Amino acid sequence: MKARPTRTEALEQLDELYDSVPGIVCRGLCHDSCTVIDASELERERLRARGVELPDRGEQMALRGRVAAGERVRCPALSGLNTCRVYEVRPLICRVFGVTQSLRCEHGCVPEALISDRDVAERLMGIEVVSEAVTGVSRIPSAPGVNGVTSGLWRDRRPASGGRGGTSR
């Protein structure tokens, strides 16, 4: 049986998963895409430490309904200047914006490479496994296989991408 990782080891694993995401030269125009997002509990802890609290699951459902009705709902991590206040510790879902097949940047930002939706789902699952091991909290509802991640909890996300220029990862 594999030993449970320490918090430090879990954060290192999280950073390794983040580093596996191709970079993108961001033009800083995508802040309107920064809306209702979710994250693993470990990622949420990092955001909380920086003063950002993501909505709980019930609030997220209500917010997604408002977005579907055409209302603009801003990510709680966006500053008044439309930059990400937690850019250095932003969740994976934010990091994959613009570099995945289904979350292409509409502003012409070009990624180093594209990754498949399945690759994203596998990375998200990896983060959930690490997060749950150290926090005891699972944020992914029961679903068959990795495809449940993208089709369930992570479906229809327009993640934050950092909201500022430069190369992001």
C-alpha atoms as a PDB file:
ATOM      1  CA  MET A   1       0.000   0.000   0.000  1.00  0.00           C
ATOM      2  CA  LYS A   2       1.346   3.400  -0.969  1.00  0.00           C
ATOM      3  CA  ALA A   3       1.907   5.800   1.917  1.00  0.00           C
ATOM      4  CA  ARG A   4      -0.167   8.948   2.032  1.00  0.00           C
ATOM      5  CA  PRO A   5       1.895  11.929   0.814  1.00  0.00           C
ATOM      6  CA  THR A   6       2.804  14.712   3.175  1.00  0.00           C
ATOM      7  CA  ARG A   7       1.332  18.134   2.429  1.00  0.00           C
ATOM      8  CA  THR A   8       4.723  19.255   1.086  1.00  0.00           C
ATOM      9  CA  GLU A   9       4.932  16.211  -1.196  1.00  0.00           C
ATOM     10  CA  ALA A  10       1.354  16.802  -2.347  1.00  0.00           C
ATOM     11  CA  LEU A  11       2.128  20.422  -3.226  1.00  0.00           C
ATOM     12  CA  GLU A  12       5.230  19.271  -5.122  1.00  0.00           C
ATOM     13  CA  GLN A  13       3.090  16.770  -7.059  1.00  0.00           C
ATOM     14  CA  LEU A  14       0.577  19.527  -7.776  1.00  0.00           C
ATOM     15  CA  ASP A  15       3.339  21.740  -9.152  1.00  0.00           C
ATOM     16  CA  GLU A  16       4.630  18.842 -11.297  1.00  0.00           C
ATOM     17  CA  LEU A  17       1.164  18.431 -12.807  1.00  0.00           C
ATOM     18  CA  TYR A  18       1.021  22.191 -13.422  1.00  0.00           C
ATOM     19  CA  ASP A  19       4.438  22.079 -15.096  1.00  0.00           C
ATOM     20  CA  SER A  20       3.144  19.422 -17.507  1.00  0.00           C
ATOM     21  CA  VAL A  21       0.751  21.960 -19.056  1.00  0.00           C
ATOM     22  CA  PRO A  22       2.105  23.664 -22.191  1.00  0.00           C
ATOM     23  CA  GLY A  23       2.758  27.377 -21.906  1.00  0.00           C
ATOM     24  CA  ILE A  24       0.884  30.064 -23.783  1.00  0.00           C
ATOM     25  CA  VAL A  25       1.783  33.633 -24.603  1.00  0.00           C
ATOM     26  CA  CYS A  26      -1.174  35.415 -23.063  1.00  0.00           C
ATOM     27  CA  ARG A  27      -2.258  38.791 -24.410  1.00  0.00           C
ATOM     28  CA  GLY A  28      -4.223  39.530 -21.234  1.00  0.00           C
ATOM     29  CA  LEU A  29      -7.566  39.878 -23.015  1.00  0.00           C
ATOM     30  CA  CYS A  30      -9.345  36.831 -21.626  1.00  0.00           C
ATOM     31  CA  HIS A  31     -10.542  38.127 -18.256  1.00  0.00           C
ATOM     32  CA  ASP A  32     -14.141  37.917 -19.477  1.00  0.00           C
ATOM     33  CA  SER A  33     -13.606  34.150 -19.605  1.00  0.00           C
ATOM     34  CA  CYS A  34     -12.726  34.123 -15.891  1.00  0.00           C
ATOM     35  CA  THR A  35     -15.984  33.043 -14.343  1.00  0.00           C
ATOM     36  CA  VAL A  36     -17.343  30.148 -12.297  1.00  0.00           C
ATOM     37  CA  ILE A  37     -14.537  27.641 -11.707  1.00  0.00           C
ATOM     38  CA  ASP A  38     -13.944  24.751  -9.383  1.00  0.00           C
ATOM     39  CA  ALA A  39     -10.754  23.370  -7.935  1.00  0.00           C
ATOM     40  CA  SER A  40      -9.534  20.528  -5.775  1.00  0.00           C
ATOM     41  CA  GLU A  41      -9.581  21.077  -2.026  1.00  0.00           C
ATOM     42  CA  LEU A  42      -5.782  21.391  -1.998  1.00  0.00           C
ATOM     43  CA  GLU A  43      -5.950  24.079  -4.688  1.00  0.00           C
ATOM     44  CA  ARG A  44      -8.749  25.800  -2.744  1.00  0.00           C
ATOM     45  CA  GLU A  45      -6.522  25.866   0.347  1.00  0.00           C
ATOM     46  CA  ARG A  46      -3.821  27.644  -1.661  1.00  0.00           C
ATOM     47  CA  LEU A  47      -6.374  30.194  -2.888  1.00  0.00           C
ATOM     48  CA  ARG A  48      -7.765  30.714   0.638  1.00  0.00           C
ATOM     49  CA  ALA A  49      -4.247  31.416   1.885  1.00  0.00           C
ATOM     50  CA  ARG A  50      -4.167  34.264  -0.659  1.00  0.00           C
ATOM     51  CA  GLY A  51      -7.569  35.608   0.392  1.00  0.00           C
ATOM     52  CA  VAL A  52      -9.729  34.069  -2.354  1.00  0.00           C
ATOM     53  CA  GLU A  53     -12.650  31.797  -1.554  1.00  0.00           C
ATOM     54  CA  LEU A  54     -14.307  29.882  -4.378  1.00  0.00           C
ATOM     55  CA  PRO A  55     -18.047  29.253  -4.124  1.00  0.00           C
ATOM     56  CA  ASP A  56     -19.169  25.927  -2.686  1.00  0.00           C
ATOM     57  CA  ARG A  57     -20.866  23.358  -4.908  1.00  0.00           C
ATOM     58  CA  GLY A  58     -24.395  24.676  -4.273  1.00  0.00           C
ATOM     59  CA  GLU A  59     -23.372  28.272  -4.979  1.00  0.00           C
ATOM     60  CA  GLN A  60     -21.569  27.126  -8.122  1.00  0.00           C
ATOM     61  CA  MET A  61     -24.702  25.488  -9.481  1.00  0.00           C
ATOM     62  CA  ALA A  62     -26.663  28.702  -8.937  1.00  0.00           C
ATOM     63  CA  LEU A  63     -23.890  30.807 -10.504  1.00  0.00           C
ATOM     64  CA  ARG A  64     -23.656  28.508 -13.530  1.00  0.00           C
ATOM     65  CA  GLY A  65     -27.395  28.938 -14.003  1.00  0.00           C
ATOM     66  CA  ARG A  66     -26.926  32.718 -14.017  1.00  0.00           C
ATOM     67  CA  VAL A  67     -24.091  32.389 -16.563  1.00  0.00           C
ATOM     68  CA  ALA A  68     -26.292  30.170 -18.749  1.00  0.00           C
ATOM     69  CA  ALA A  69     -28.961  32.885 -18.592  1.00  0.00           C
ATOM     70  CA  GLY A  70     -26.440  35.379 -19.992  1.00  0.00           C
ATOM     71  CA  GLU A  71     -25.343  37.100 -16.795  1.00  0.00           C
ATOM     72  CA  ARG A  72     -21.663  37.952 -16.405  1.00  0.00           C
ATOM     73  CA  VAL A  73     -20.272  36.332 -13.240  1.00  0.00           C
ATOM     74  CA  ARG A  74     -16.679  37.248 -12.423  1.00  0.00           C
ATOM     75  CA  CYS A  75     -14.168  34.892 -10.875  1.00  0.00           C
ATOM     76  CA  PRO A  76     -13.551  35.916  -7.248  1.00  0.00           C
ATOM     77  CA  ALA A  77      -9.803  35.952  -7.978  1.00  0.00           C
ATOM     78  CA  LEU A  78     -10.048  38.797 -10.515  1.00  0.00           C
ATOM     79  CA  SER A  79      -8.832  42.171  -9.326  1.00  0.00           C
ATOM     80  CA  GLY A  80     -10.458  45.464 -10.230  1.00  0.00           C
ATOM     81  CA  LEU A  81      -7.854  45.745 -12.996  1.00  0.00           C
ATOM     82  CA  ASN A  82      -8.948  42.362 -14.440  1.00  0.00           C
ATOM     83  CA  THR A  83      -5.767  40.572 -13.410  1.00  0.00           C
ATOM     84  CA  CYS A  84      -5.635  37.359 -11.437  1.00  0.00           C
ATOM     85  CA  ARG A  85      -4.795  37.961  -7.784  1.00  0.00           C
ATOM     86  CA  VAL A  86      -3.697  34.325  -7.354  1.00  0.00           C
ATOM     87  CA  TYR A  87      -1.925  33.814 -10.677  1.00  0.00           C
ATOM     88  CA  GLU A  88       1.059  31.978  -9.167  1.00  0.00           C
ATOM     89  CA  VAL A  89      -1.194  29.441  -7.411  1.00  0.00           C
ATOM     90  CA  ARG A  90      -4.159  29.399  -9.820  1.00  0.00           C
ATOM     91  CA  PRO A  91      -5.859  26.015 -10.202  1.00  0.00           C
ATOM     92  CA  LEU A  92      -5.194  23.622 -13.065  1.00  0.00           C
ATOM     93  CA  ILE A  93      -8.492  24.439 -14.760  1.00  0.00           C
ATOM     94  CA  CYS A  94      -7.238  28.019 -15.161  1.00  0.00           C
ATOM     95  CA  ARG A  95      -3.853  26.890 -16.448  1.00  0.00           C
ATOM     96  CA  VAL A  96      -5.340  24.801 -19.260  1.00  0.00           C
ATOM     97  CA  PHE A  97      -7.363  27.663 -20.741  1.00  0.00           C
ATOM     98  CA  GLY A  98      -6.078  28.278 -24.245  1.00  0.00           C
ATOM     99  CA  VAL A  99      -4.038  25.079 -24.463  1.00  0.00           C
ATOM    100  CA  THR A 100      -6.821  22.499 -24.738  1.00  0.00           C
ATOM    101  CA  GLN A 101      -8.965  21.486 -27.650  1.00  0.00           C
ATOM    102  CA  SER A 102     -12.217  22.598 -26.022  1.00  0.00           C
ATOM    103  CA  LEU A 103     -10.922  25.729 -24.265  1.00  0.00           C
ATOM    104  CA  ARG A 104      -9.157  27.545 -27.101  1.00  0.00           C
ATOM    105  CA  CYS A 105      -8.416  31.222 -26.594  1.00  0.00           C
ATOM    106  CA  GLU A 106     -10.762  33.407 -28.593  1.00  0.00           C
ATOM    107  CA  HIS A 107      -8.246  36.285 -28.541  1.00  0.00           C
ATOM    108  CA  GLY A 108      -5.570  34.651 -30.669  1.00  0.00           C
ATOM    109  CA  CYS A 109      -3.155  33.615 -27.931  1.00  0.00           C
ATOM    110  CA  VAL A 110      -1.007  30.778 -29.219  1.00  0.00           C
ATOM    111  CA  PRO A 111      -0.049  27.836 -27.008  1.00  0.00           C
ATOM    112  CA  GLU A 112       3.284  26.015 -27.205  1.00  0.00           C
ATOM    113  CA  ALA A 113       1.200  22.897 -27.868  1.00  0.00           C
ATOM    114  CA  LEU A 114      -2.388  21.728 -27.569  1.00  0.00           C
ATOM    115  CA  ILE A 115      -3.367  19.014 -25.139  1.00  0.00           C
ATOM    116  CA  SER A 116      -6.421  16.825 -25.519  1.00  0.00           C
ATOM    117  CA  ASP A 117      -9.472  17.030 -23.308  1.00  0.00           C
ATOM    118  CA  ARG A 118      -8.633  13.521 -22.135  1.00  0.00           C
ATOM    119  CA  ASP A 119      -5.157  14.685 -21.065  1.00  0.00           C
ATOM    120  CA  VAL A 120      -6.786  17.500 -19.095  1.00  0.00           C
ATOM    121  CA  ALA A 121      -9.176  15.043 -17.459  1.00  0.00           C
ATOM    122  CA  GLU A 122      -6.271  12.811 -16.477  1.00  0.00           C
ATOM    123  CA  ARG A 123      -4.384  15.746 -14.946  1.00  0.00           C
ATOM    124  CA  LEU A 124      -7.510  16.855 -13.083  1.00  0.00           C
ATOM    125  CA  MET A 125      -7.977  13.343 -11.758  1.00  0.00           C
ATOM    126  CA  GLY A 126      -4.324  13.256 -10.700  1.00  0.00           C
ATOM    127  CA  ILE A 127      -4.787  16.464  -8.755  1.00  0.00           C
ATOM    128  CA  GLU A 128      -7.948  15.133  -7.120  1.00  0.00           C
ATOM    129  CA  VAL A 129      -6.164  11.954  -6.023  1.00  0.00           C
ATOM    130  CA  VAL A 130      -3.305  13.932  -4.472  1.00  0.00           C
ATOM    131  CA  SER A 131      -5.672  16.474  -2.934  1.00  0.00           C
ATOM    132  CA  GLU A 132      -7.973  13.888  -1.414  1.00  0.00           C
ATOM    133  CA  ALA A 133      -4.996  11.992   0.025  1.00  0.00           C
ATOM    134  CA  VAL A 134      -3.924  14.991   2.120  1.00  0.00           C
ATOM    135  CA  THR A 135      -7.200  16.837   2.734  1.00  0.00           C
ATOM    136  CA  GLY A 136      -9.650  13.950   2.934  1.00  0.00           C
ATOM    137  CA  VAL A 137     -12.027  15.912   0.689  1.00  0.00           C
ATOM    138  CA  SER A 138     -13.110  14.750  -2.753  1.00  0.00           C
ATOM    139  CA  ARG A 139     -14.672  17.362  -5.019  1.00  0.00           C
ATOM    140  CA  ILE A 140     -15.417  14.998  -7.895  1.00  0.00           C
ATOM    141  CA  PRO A 141     -18.811  13.328  -7.809  1.00  0.00           C
ATOM    142  CA  SER A 142     -18.913   9.617  -8.511  1.00  0.00           C
ATOM    143  CA  ALA A 143     -18.670   9.077 -12.244  1.00  0.00           C
ATOM    144  CA  PRO A 144     -17.447   6.169 -14.341  1.00  0.00           C
ATOM    145  CA  GLY A 145     -13.887   6.660 -15.545  1.00  0.00           C
ATOM    146  CA  VAL A 146     -11.920   9.781 -16.269  1.00  0.00           C
ATOM    147  CA  ASN A 147     -14.486  11.016 -18.803  1.00  0.00           C
ATOM    148  CA  GLY A 148     -16.800  11.674 -15.866  1.00  0.00           C
ATOM    149  CA  VAL A 149     -14.428  14.429 -14.797  1.00  0.00           C
ATOM    150  CA  THR A 150     -14.767  16.459 -17.956  1.00  0.00           C
ATOM    151  CA  SER A 151     -18.398  15.682 -18.600  1.00  0.00           C
ATOM    152  CA  GLY A 152     -19.485  16.203 -15.007  1.00  0.00           C
ATOM    153  CA  LEU A 153     -17.836  18.525 -12.540  1.00  0.00           C
ATOM    154  CA  TRP A 154     -15.531  20.258 -15.019  1.00  0.00           C
ATOM    155  CA  ARG A 155     -18.004  20.605 -17.926  1.00  0.00           C
ATOM    156  CA  ASP A 156     -18.704  24.001 -19.469  1.00  0.00           C
ATOM    157  CA  ARG A 157     -15.963  25.832 -17.613  1.00  0.00           C
ATOM    158  CA  ARG A 158     -14.544  29.087 -18.863  1.00  0.00           C
ATOM    159  CA  PRO A 159     -11.531  29.204 -16.537  1.00  0.00           C
ATOM    160  CA  ALA A 160      -9.405  32.117 -15.520  1.00  0.00           C
ATOM    161  CA  SER A 161      -6.178  32.266 -17.443  1.00  0.00           C
ATOM    162  CA  GLY A 162      -4.307  34.783 -15.421  1.00  0.00           C
ATOM    163  CA  GLY A 163      -5.572  37.942 -17.066  1.00  0.00           C
ATOM    164  CA  ARG A 164      -2.171  39.407 -17.784  1.00  0.00           C
ATOM    165  CA  GLY A 165       0.345  39.250 -20.541  1.00  0.00           C
ATOM    166  CA  GLY A 166       3.391  37.037 -20.720  1.00  0.00           C
ATOM    167  CA  THR A 167       3.959  33.343 -20.867  1.00  0.00           C
ATOM    168  CA  SER A 168       1.742  31.356 -18.562  1.00  0.00           C
ATOM    169  CA  ARG A 169       1.900  27.798 -17.357  1.00  0.00           C
END
